[in-house]
Amino acid sequence: MVSAWKLLEDKIEVEDAEDSATAEQESIDLHDENHPAVQREMRIETMHHTDTKTWSCHCAGFIHSPYHICSHLLRLYGQPYPVKGESVRQHRPPLLFIETFHDPSQRVVCIPSAHLHEIDPPASIEQLGLSQEYLDDLSAHFGGGDEEDREEYSRVEEDKRKYEEFIKSLRSAADYAEKEMNQSHERFRRLPNPTTSSVKKLVQLAGYAHVLDHGRKRRKTWGPERAGGNMYRN
C-alpha cells in the first residue's frame, strides 16, 4: 500500500506542476474559477463525490485499487501515508480505516470465528453501518466511473496490446537470427551487428523473411541439384 501511495503522491505532484504551468502560461489567477487547480477541486466534489470520512470515491482508480486509495482521496487527506498498524481495510465504510484520522467508532471490531455463534445476525443493513441511499448511489456509479479514467484504462490496455506485438516481433527476430547463423557464411554476414541500435533492422529482416527467401537467386536450371522444389531453406 505504501508503494502505491507514493506513486499517487508523485502523480499529484506532476498534476500540480502542470496546473501551475498552465495557469502561468495563460495568466490565470489562483482564485479564478478557470484555474486548473480550482477546476480539479470542483471535479473531486461534483463528479467523483470524494469523501474522506467514509473513505469513498466514485473514480475508476479507487474502484480498481486493492488498497482503497486514489489521488482524489490523497489530495483531500493531505497527510503522509499511515505507518504499519495505523490503517486497516474493512468490509464497510470507511473501507480504509486510518486510526489517526477516523473516529474510533468507525472501526470494525473483528470477532474470532469461535464466538460467531454467540452473535445475533443483523436485522437490517443499517446495523451493518450501511444505508440504502449509499447502496443505491454505489450501484449507480460502480459500473459507470469517470469517463476520463475509463479512457485512461482503455489506453493502457491498447498500449499493452501494442507491447505484446512488440515482444512477438522481438522473439521472431531472435528466431530468425538463430536460423540465419546456421546457414551459409554469406547469409550470416548479412545480419546486422549485435548492438541495440541494430534491433530495428533485425526486426525488419524477420518480418520480411519470406519476401527475402522468395527473391533470392534461384538455383541454376541446368544444374543437377535443380530437381525437385526450389525450397531455399531446405
C-alpha atoms as a PDB file:
ATOM      1  CA  MET A   1       0.000   0.000   0.000  1.00  0.00           C
ATOM      2  CA  VAL A   2       2.840   2.378   0.822  1.00  0.00           C
ATOM      3  CA  SER A   3       4.361   1.878  -2.628  1.00  0.00           C
ATOM      4  CA  ALA A   4       1.019   2.574  -4.324  1.00  0.00           C
ATOM      5  CA  TRP A   5       0.524   5.570  -2.029  1.00  0.00           C
ATOM      6  CA  LYS A   6       3.904   7.040  -3.017  1.00  0.00           C
ATOM      7  CA  LEU A   7       3.139   6.587  -6.715  1.00  0.00           C
ATOM      8  CA  LEU A   8      -0.097   8.529  -6.271  1.00  0.00           C
ATOM      9  CA  GLU A   9       1.770  11.268  -4.411  1.00  0.00           C
ATOM     10  CA  ASP A  10       4.168  11.530  -7.357  1.00  0.00           C
ATOM     11  CA  LYS A  11       1.183  11.719  -9.699  1.00  0.00           C
ATOM     12  CA  ILE A  12      -0.290  14.556  -7.622  1.00  0.00           C
ATOM     13  CA  GLU A  13       2.985  16.478  -7.767  1.00  0.00           C
ATOM     14  CA  VAL A  14       3.088  16.146 -11.552  1.00  0.00           C
ATOM     15  CA  GLU A  15      -0.541  17.286 -11.849  1.00  0.00           C
ATOM     16  CA  ASP A  16       0.102  20.313  -9.607  1.00  0.00           C
ATOM     17  CA  ALA A  17       3.164  21.268 -11.645  1.00  0.00           C
ATOM     18  CA  GLU A  18       1.162  21.014 -14.883  1.00  0.00           C
ATOM     19  CA  ASP A  19      -1.664  23.108 -13.384  1.00  0.00           C
ATOM     20  CA  SER A  20       0.794  25.816 -12.292  1.00  0.00           C
ATOM     21  CA  ALA A  21       2.480  25.854 -15.695  1.00  0.00           C
ATOM     22  CA  THR A  22      -0.863  26.121 -17.498  1.00  0.00           C
ATOM     23  CA  ALA A  23      -2.068  28.894 -15.206  1.00  0.00           C
ATOM     24  CA  GLU A  24       1.181  30.821 -15.622  1.00  0.00           C
ATOM     25  CA  GLN A  25       1.128  30.425 -19.372  1.00  0.00           C
ATOM     26  CA  GLU A  26      -2.482  31.623 -19.649  1.00  0.00           C
ATOM     27  CA  SER A  27      -2.095  34.225 -16.846  1.00  0.00           C
ATOM     28  CA  ILE A  28      -4.905  32.777 -14.730  1.00  0.00           C
ATOM     29  CA  ASP A  29      -5.180  33.903 -11.126  1.00  0.00           C
ATOM     30  CA  LEU A  30      -5.091  31.247  -8.411  1.00  0.00           C
ATOM     31  CA  HIS A  31      -8.560  32.231  -7.167  1.00  0.00           C
ATOM     32  CA  ASP A  32     -10.062  32.298 -10.636  1.00  0.00           C
ATOM     33  CA  GLU A  33     -12.630  29.545 -11.223  1.00  0.00           C
ATOM     34  CA  ASN A  34     -10.918  28.776 -14.532  1.00  0.00           C
ATOM     35  CA  HIS A  35      -7.670  27.922 -12.780  1.00  0.00           C
ATOM     36  CA  PRO A  36      -6.806  24.231 -13.425  1.00  0.00           C
ATOM     37  CA  ALA A  37      -6.391  23.555  -9.700  1.00  0.00           C
ATOM     38  CA  VAL A  38      -9.833  25.026  -8.946  1.00  0.00           C
ATOM     39  CA  GLN A  39     -11.364  23.008 -11.770  1.00  0.00           C
ATOM     40  CA  ARG A  40      -9.771  19.871 -10.347  1.00  0.00           C
ATOM     41  CA  GLU A  41     -11.227  20.560  -6.895  1.00  0.00           C
ATOM     42  CA  MET A  42     -14.665  21.058  -8.427  1.00  0.00           C
ATOM     43  CA  ARG A  43     -14.435  17.691 -10.227  1.00  0.00           C
ATOM     44  CA  ILE A  44     -13.428  15.990  -6.994  1.00  0.00           C
ATOM     45  CA  GLU A  45     -16.523  17.367  -5.293  1.00  0.00           C
ATOM     46  CA  THR A  46     -19.172  17.217  -8.012  1.00  0.00           C
ATOM     47  CA  MET A  47     -18.019  14.406 -10.289  1.00  0.00           C
ATOM     48  CA  HIS A  48     -16.120  11.952  -8.087  1.00  0.00           C
ATOM     49  CA  HIS A  49     -18.023  12.685  -4.838  1.00  0.00           C
ATOM     50  CA  THR A  50     -14.857  12.045  -2.863  1.00  0.00           C
ATOM     51  CA  ASP A  51     -15.412  11.741   0.897  1.00  0.00           C
ATOM     52  CA  THR A  52     -12.564  11.091   3.319  1.00  0.00           C
ATOM     53  CA  LYS A  53     -14.875  10.444   6.268  1.00  0.00           C
ATOM     54  CA  THR A  54     -16.428   7.428   4.579  1.00  0.00           C
ATOM     55  CA  TRP A  55     -13.216   6.999   2.544  1.00  0.00           C
ATOM     56  CA  SER A  56     -15.008   6.578  -0.747  1.00  0.00           C
ATOM     57  CA  CYS A  57     -14.664   7.909  -4.272  1.00  0.00           C
ATOM     58  CA  HIS A  58     -16.523   7.188  -7.484  1.00  0.00           C
ATOM     59  CA  CYS A  59     -13.457   7.300  -9.726  1.00  0.00           C
ATOM     60  CA  ALA A  60     -12.175   4.201 -11.532  1.00  0.00           C
ATOM     61  CA  GLY A  61      -8.848   4.440  -9.746  1.00  0.00           C
ATOM     62  CA  PHE A  62     -10.484   3.893  -6.363  1.00  0.00           C
ATOM     63  CA  ILE A  63     -12.675   1.067  -7.639  1.00  0.00           C
ATOM     64  CA  HIS A  64      -9.699  -0.826  -9.075  1.00  0.00           C
ATOM     65  CA  SER A  65      -7.341  -0.157  -6.165  1.00  0.00           C
ATOM     66  CA  PRO A  66      -6.803  -3.167  -3.867  1.00  0.00           C
ATOM     67  CA  TYR A  67      -5.839  -0.725  -1.099  1.00  0.00           C
ATOM     68  CA  HIS A  68      -8.888   1.575  -1.464  1.00  0.00           C
ATOM     69  CA  ILE A  69      -6.844   4.647  -2.342  1.00  0.00           C
ATOM     70  CA  CYS A  70      -6.838   7.137  -5.217  1.00  0.00           C
ATOM     71  CA  SER A  71      -5.303  10.517  -5.981  1.00  0.00           C
ATOM     72  CA  HIS A  72      -8.540  12.341  -5.121  1.00  0.00           C
ATOM     73  CA  LEU A  73      -8.685  10.880  -1.596  1.00  0.00           C
ATOM     74  CA  LEU A  74      -4.998  11.573  -1.026  1.00  0.00           C
ATOM     75  CA  ARG A  75      -5.479  15.178  -2.070  1.00  0.00           C
ATOM     76  CA  LEU A  76      -8.228  15.718   0.492  1.00  0.00           C
ATOM     77  CA  TYR A  77      -6.416  13.663   3.133  1.00  0.00           C
ATOM     78  CA  GLY A  78      -3.305  15.824   2.781  1.00  0.00           C
ATOM     79  CA  GLN A  79      -1.160  13.842   5.205  1.00  0.00           C
ATOM     80  CA  PRO A  80       1.702  11.353   4.870  1.00  0.00           C
ATOM     81  CA  TYR A  81       0.820   7.694   4.436  1.00  0.00           C
ATOM     82  CA  PRO A  82      -0.079   5.859   7.668  1.00  0.00           C
ATOM     83  CA  VAL A  83       2.604   3.680   9.181  1.00  0.00           C
ATOM     84  CA  LYS A  84       2.157  -0.024   9.809  1.00  0.00           C
ATOM     85  CA  GLY A  85      -0.621  -0.706  12.290  1.00  0.00           C
ATOM     86  CA  GLU A  86      -2.354   2.656  11.818  1.00  0.00           C
ATOM     87  CA  SER A  87      -4.571   1.574   8.913  1.00  0.00           C
ATOM     88  CA  VAL A  88      -6.691  -1.451   8.120  1.00  0.00           C
ATOM     89  CA  ARG A  89      -9.026  -2.425   5.285  1.00  0.00           C
ATOM     90  CA  GLN A  90     -12.641  -3.013   6.245  1.00  0.00           C
ATOM     91  CA  HIS A  91     -15.766  -4.531   4.684  1.00  0.00           C
ATOM     92  CA  ARG A  92     -17.827  -1.418   5.386  1.00  0.00           C
ATOM     93  CA  PRO A  93     -17.172   2.352   5.152  1.00  0.00           C
ATOM     94  CA  PRO A  94     -14.611   3.601   5.701  1.00  0.00           C
ATOM     95  CA  LEU A  95     -13.101   0.826   3.595  1.00  0.00           C
ATOM     96  CA  LEU A  96      -9.672   2.045   4.700  1.00  0.00           C
ATOM     97  CA  PHE A  97      -9.768   2.934   8.393  1.00  0.00           C
ATOM     98  CA  ILE A  98      -6.924   5.237   9.480  1.00  0.00           C
ATOM     99  CA  GLU A  99      -6.522   5.282  13.234  1.00  0.00           C
ATOM    100  CA  THR A 100      -5.186   8.841  13.462  1.00  0.00           C
ATOM    101  CA  PHE A 101      -7.826  10.247  11.091  1.00  0.00           C
ATOM    102  CA  HIS A 102     -11.148   8.444  11.508  1.00  0.00           C
ATOM    103  CA  ASP A 103     -13.380   8.251  14.548  1.00  0.00           C
ATOM    104  CA  PRO A 104     -12.811   5.127  16.687  1.00  0.00           C
ATOM    105  CA  SER A 105     -16.499   4.267  16.322  1.00  0.00           C
ATOM    106  CA  GLN A 106     -15.897   3.659  12.604  1.00  0.00           C
ATOM    107  CA  ARG A 107     -13.502   0.820  13.350  1.00  0.00           C
ATOM    108  CA  VAL A 108     -14.897  -2.639  12.636  1.00  0.00           C
ATOM    109  CA  VAL A 109     -14.138  -4.979  15.508  1.00  0.00           C
ATOM    110  CA  CYS A 110     -13.137  -8.420  14.292  1.00  0.00           C
ATOM    111  CA  ILE A 111     -14.653 -11.281  16.268  1.00  0.00           C
ATOM    112  CA  PRO A 112     -12.969 -14.716  16.394  1.00  0.00           C
ATOM    113  CA  SER A 113     -14.879 -17.335  14.425  1.00  0.00           C
ATOM    114  CA  ALA A 114     -15.242 -19.458  17.584  1.00  0.00           C
ATOM    115  CA  HIS A 115     -17.595 -16.817  19.034  1.00  0.00           C
ATOM    116  CA  LEU A 116     -19.629 -16.061  15.910  1.00  0.00           C
ATOM    117  CA  HIS A 117     -22.475 -18.318  17.054  1.00  0.00           C
ATOM    118  CA  GLU A 118     -22.959 -16.033  20.045  1.00  0.00           C
ATOM    119  CA  ILE A 119     -23.848 -13.027  17.861  1.00  0.00           C
ATOM    120  CA  ASP A 120     -27.343 -12.363  16.593  1.00  0.00           C
ATOM    121  CA  PRO A 121     -27.459 -11.738  12.828  1.00  0.00           C
ATOM    122  CA  PRO A 122     -28.244  -8.132  11.815  1.00  0.00           C
ATOM    123  CA  ALA A 123     -31.888  -7.400  11.156  1.00  0.00           C
ATOM    124  CA  SER A 124     -31.185  -4.625   8.627  1.00  0.00           C
ATOM    125  CA  ILE A 125     -28.388  -3.116   6.570  1.00  0.00           C
ATOM    126  CA  GLU A 126     -28.375  -0.138   8.948  1.00  0.00           C
ATOM    127  CA  GLN A 127     -26.965  -2.408  11.643  1.00  0.00           C
ATOM    128  CA  LEU A 128     -24.054  -3.128   9.298  1.00  0.00           C
ATOM    129  CA  GLY A 129     -23.249   0.568   9.134  1.00  0.00           C
ATOM    130  CA  LEU A 130     -24.714   0.963   5.629  1.00  0.00           C
ATOM    131  CA  SER A 131     -27.648   2.947   4.334  1.00  0.00           C
ATOM    132  CA  GLN A 132     -29.937   2.162   1.428  1.00  0.00           C
ATOM    133  CA  GLU A 133     -29.107   5.544  -0.078  1.00  0.00           C
ATOM    134  CA  TYR A 134     -25.409   4.703  -0.013  1.00  0.00           C
ATOM    135  CA  LEU A 135     -26.031   1.301  -1.633  1.00  0.00           C
ATOM    136  CA  ASP A 136     -28.187   2.838  -4.383  1.00  0.00           C
ATOM    137  CA  ASP A 137     -25.601   5.526  -5.028  1.00  0.00           C
ATOM    138  CA  LEU A 138     -22.814   2.940  -5.122  1.00  0.00           C
ATOM    139  CA  SER A 139     -24.754   0.742  -7.550  1.00  0.00           C
ATOM    140  CA  ALA A 140     -25.397   3.690  -9.833  1.00  0.00           C
ATOM    141  CA  HIS A 141     -21.753   4.660 -10.057  1.00  0.00           C
ATOM    142  CA  PHE A 142     -19.853   1.401  -9.670  1.00  0.00           C
ATOM    143  CA  GLY A 143     -20.265   0.316 -13.260  1.00  0.00           C
ATOM    144  CA  GLY A 144     -20.006   3.815 -14.687  1.00  0.00           C
ATOM    145  CA  GLY A 145     -16.979   5.539 -13.285  1.00  0.00           C
ATOM    146  CA  ASP A 146     -15.421   8.655 -14.674  1.00  0.00           C
ATOM    147  CA  GLU A 147     -15.132   8.996 -18.454  1.00  0.00           C
ATOM    148  CA  GLU A 148     -11.603  10.334 -18.175  1.00  0.00           C
ATOM    149  CA  ASP A 149     -10.477   7.407 -16.007  1.00  0.00           C
ATOM    150  CA  ARG A 150     -12.191   4.863 -18.262  1.00  0.00           C
ATOM    151  CA  GLU A 151     -10.413   6.311 -21.272  1.00  0.00           C
ATOM    152  CA  GLU A 152      -7.137   6.169 -19.367  1.00  0.00           C
ATOM    153  CA  TYR A 153      -7.609   2.468 -18.597  1.00  0.00           C
ATOM    154  CA  SER A 154      -8.615   1.731 -22.201  1.00  0.00           C
ATOM    155  CA  ARG A 155      -5.452   3.443 -23.407  1.00  0.00           C
ATOM    156  CA  VAL A 156      -3.409   1.300 -21.054  1.00  0.00           C
ATOM    157  CA  GLU A 157      -4.984  -1.867 -22.455  1.00  0.00           C
ATOM    158  CA  GLU A 158      -4.291  -0.677 -26.003  1.00  0.00           C
ATOM    159  CA  ASP A 159      -0.672   0.064 -25.076  1.00  0.00           C
ATOM    160  CA  LYS A 160      -0.395  -3.435 -23.581  1.00  0.00           C
ATOM    161  CA  ARG A 161      -1.569  -4.992 -26.837  1.00  0.00           C
ATOM    162  CA  LYS A 162       0.966  -2.931 -28.783  1.00  0.00           C
ATOM    163  CA  TYR A 163       3.685  -4.025 -26.392  1.00  0.00           C
ATOM    164  CA  GLU A 164       2.682  -7.662 -26.825  1.00  0.00           C
ATOM    165  CA  GLU A 165       3.066  -7.248 -30.593  1.00  0.00           C
ATOM    166  CA  PHE A 166       6.461  -5.645 -29.982  1.00  0.00           C
ATOM    167  CA  ILE A 167       7.566  -8.607 -27.847  1.00  0.00           C
ATOM    168  CA  LYS A 168       6.358 -11.052 -30.515  1.00  0.00           C
ATOM    169  CA  SER A 169       8.383  -9.213 -33.152  1.00  0.00           C
ATOM    170  CA  LEU A 170      11.487  -9.400 -30.943  1.00  0.00           C
ATOM    171  CA  ARG A 171      11.034 -13.151 -30.469  1.00  0.00           C
ATOM    172  CA  SER A 172      10.538 -13.594 -34.201  1.00  0.00           C
ATOM    173  CA  ALA A 173      13.687 -11.567 -34.850  1.00  0.00           C
ATOM    174  CA  ALA A 174      15.694 -13.710 -32.423  1.00  0.00           C
ATOM    175  CA  ASP A 175      14.442 -16.921 -34.057  1.00  0.00           C
ATOM    176  CA  TYR A 176      15.273 -15.537 -37.491  1.00  0.00           C
ATOM    177  CA  ALA A 177      18.808 -14.561 -36.427  1.00  0.00           C
ATOM    178  CA  GLU A 178      19.404 -18.005 -34.924  1.00  0.00           C
ATOM    179  CA  LYS A 179      18.316 -19.720 -38.146  1.00  0.00           C
ATOM    180  CA  GLU A 180      20.469 -17.437 -40.274  1.00  0.00           C
ATOM    181  CA  MET A 181      23.510 -18.233 -38.122  1.00  0.00           C
ATOM    182  CA  ASN A 182      23.132 -21.906 -39.033  1.00  0.00           C
ATOM    183  CA  GLN A 183      23.072 -21.143 -42.755  1.00  0.00           C
ATOM    184  CA  SER A 184      25.918 -20.104 -45.037  1.00  0.00           C
ATOM    185  CA  HIS A 185      28.585 -17.588 -44.069  1.00  0.00           C
ATOM    186  CA  GLU A 186      27.194 -15.199 -46.653  1.00  0.00           C
ATOM    187  CA  ARG A 187      23.765 -15.157 -45.042  1.00  0.00           C
ATOM    188  CA  PHE A 188      25.275 -14.784 -41.576  1.00  0.00           C
ATOM    189  CA  ARG A 189      27.335 -11.786 -42.703  1.00  0.00           C
ATOM    190  CA  ARG A 190      24.140 -10.055 -43.833  1.00  0.00           C
ATOM    191  CA  LEU A 191      22.837  -9.956 -40.272  1.00  0.00           C
ATOM    192  CA  PRO A 192      23.185  -6.567 -38.539  1.00  0.00           C
ATOM    193  CA  ASN A 193      25.814  -6.091 -35.862  1.00  0.00           C
ATOM    194  CA  PRO A 194      24.817  -7.404 -32.407  1.00  0.00           C
ATOM    195  CA  THR A 195      24.061  -3.988 -30.917  1.00  0.00           C
ATOM    196  CA  THR A 196      20.896  -2.454 -29.520  1.00  0.00           C
ATOM    197  CA  SER A 197      20.749   0.008 -32.387  1.00  0.00           C
ATOM    198  CA  SER A 198      20.546  -2.922 -34.834  1.00  0.00           C
ATOM    199  CA  VAL A 199      17.429  -4.436 -33.254  1.00  0.00           C
ATOM    200  CA  LYS A 200      15.110  -2.437 -35.511  1.00  0.00           C
ATOM    201  CA  LYS A 201      16.914  -3.656 -38.622  1.00  0.00           C
ATOM    202  CA  LEU A 202      16.783  -7.259 -37.390  1.00  0.00           C
ATOM    203  CA  VAL A 203      13.045  -6.978 -36.703  1.00  0.00           C
ATOM    204  CA  GLN A 204      12.529  -5.702 -40.257  1.00  0.00           C
ATOM    205  CA  LEU A 205      14.527  -8.587 -41.707  1.00  0.00           C
ATOM    206  CA  ALA A 206      12.484 -11.092 -39.687  1.00  0.00           C
ATOM    207  CA  GLY A 207       9.225  -9.501 -40.798  1.00  0.00           C
ATOM    208  CA  TYR A 208      10.141  -9.779 -44.468  1.00  0.00           C
ATOM    209  CA  ALA A 209      11.974 -13.113 -44.286  1.00  0.00           C
ATOM    210  CA  HIS A 210       9.520 -14.780 -46.661  1.00  0.00           C
ATOM    211  CA  VAL A 211       9.990 -11.963 -49.175  1.00  0.00           C
ATOM    212  CA  LEU A 212      13.767 -12.278 -48.944  1.00  0.00           C
ATOM    213  CA  ASP A 213      13.602 -16.035 -49.462  1.00  0.00           C
ATOM    214  CA  HIS A 214      11.358 -15.675 -52.476  1.00  0.00           C
ATOM    215  CA  GLY A 215      13.580 -13.053 -54.064  1.00  0.00           C
ATOM    216  CA  ARG A 216      16.901 -14.837 -53.534  1.00  0.00           C
ATOM    217  CA  LYS A 217      18.798 -16.099 -56.574  1.00  0.00           C
ATOM    218  CA  ARG A 218      17.292 -19.391 -57.682  1.00  0.00           C
ATOM    219  CA  ARG A 219      19.416 -22.415 -58.450  1.00  0.00           C
ATOM    220  CA  LYS A 220      20.697 -22.842 -61.953  1.00  0.00           C
ATOM    221  CA  THR A 221      18.183 -24.562 -64.174  1.00  0.00           C
ATOM    222  CA  TRP A 222      20.901 -26.701 -65.800  1.00  0.00           C
ATOM    223  CA  GLY A 223      22.424 -27.956 -62.546  1.00  0.00           C
ATOM    224  CA  PRO A 224      21.797 -31.482 -61.234  1.00  0.00           C
ATOM    225  CA  GLU A 225      20.585 -30.038 -57.938  1.00  0.00           C
ATOM    226  CA  ARG A 226      17.661 -28.342 -59.730  1.00  0.00           C
ATOM    227  CA  ALA A 227      15.458 -31.420 -59.420  1.00  0.00           C
ATOM    228  CA  GLY A 228      12.536 -31.001 -57.059  1.00  0.00           C
ATOM    229  CA  GLY A 229      11.025 -27.915 -55.489  1.00  0.00           C
ATOM    230  CA  ASN A 230      13.081 -24.789 -55.012  1.00  0.00           C
ATOM    231  CA  MET A 231      12.824 -24.580 -51.224  1.00  0.00           C
ATOM    232  CA  TYR A 232      15.727 -22.358 -50.216  1.00  0.00           C
ATOM    233  CA  ARG A 233      15.866 -23.251 -46.527  1.00  0.00           C
ATOM    234  CA  ASN A 234      15.678 -26.977 -47.177  1.00  0.00           C
END
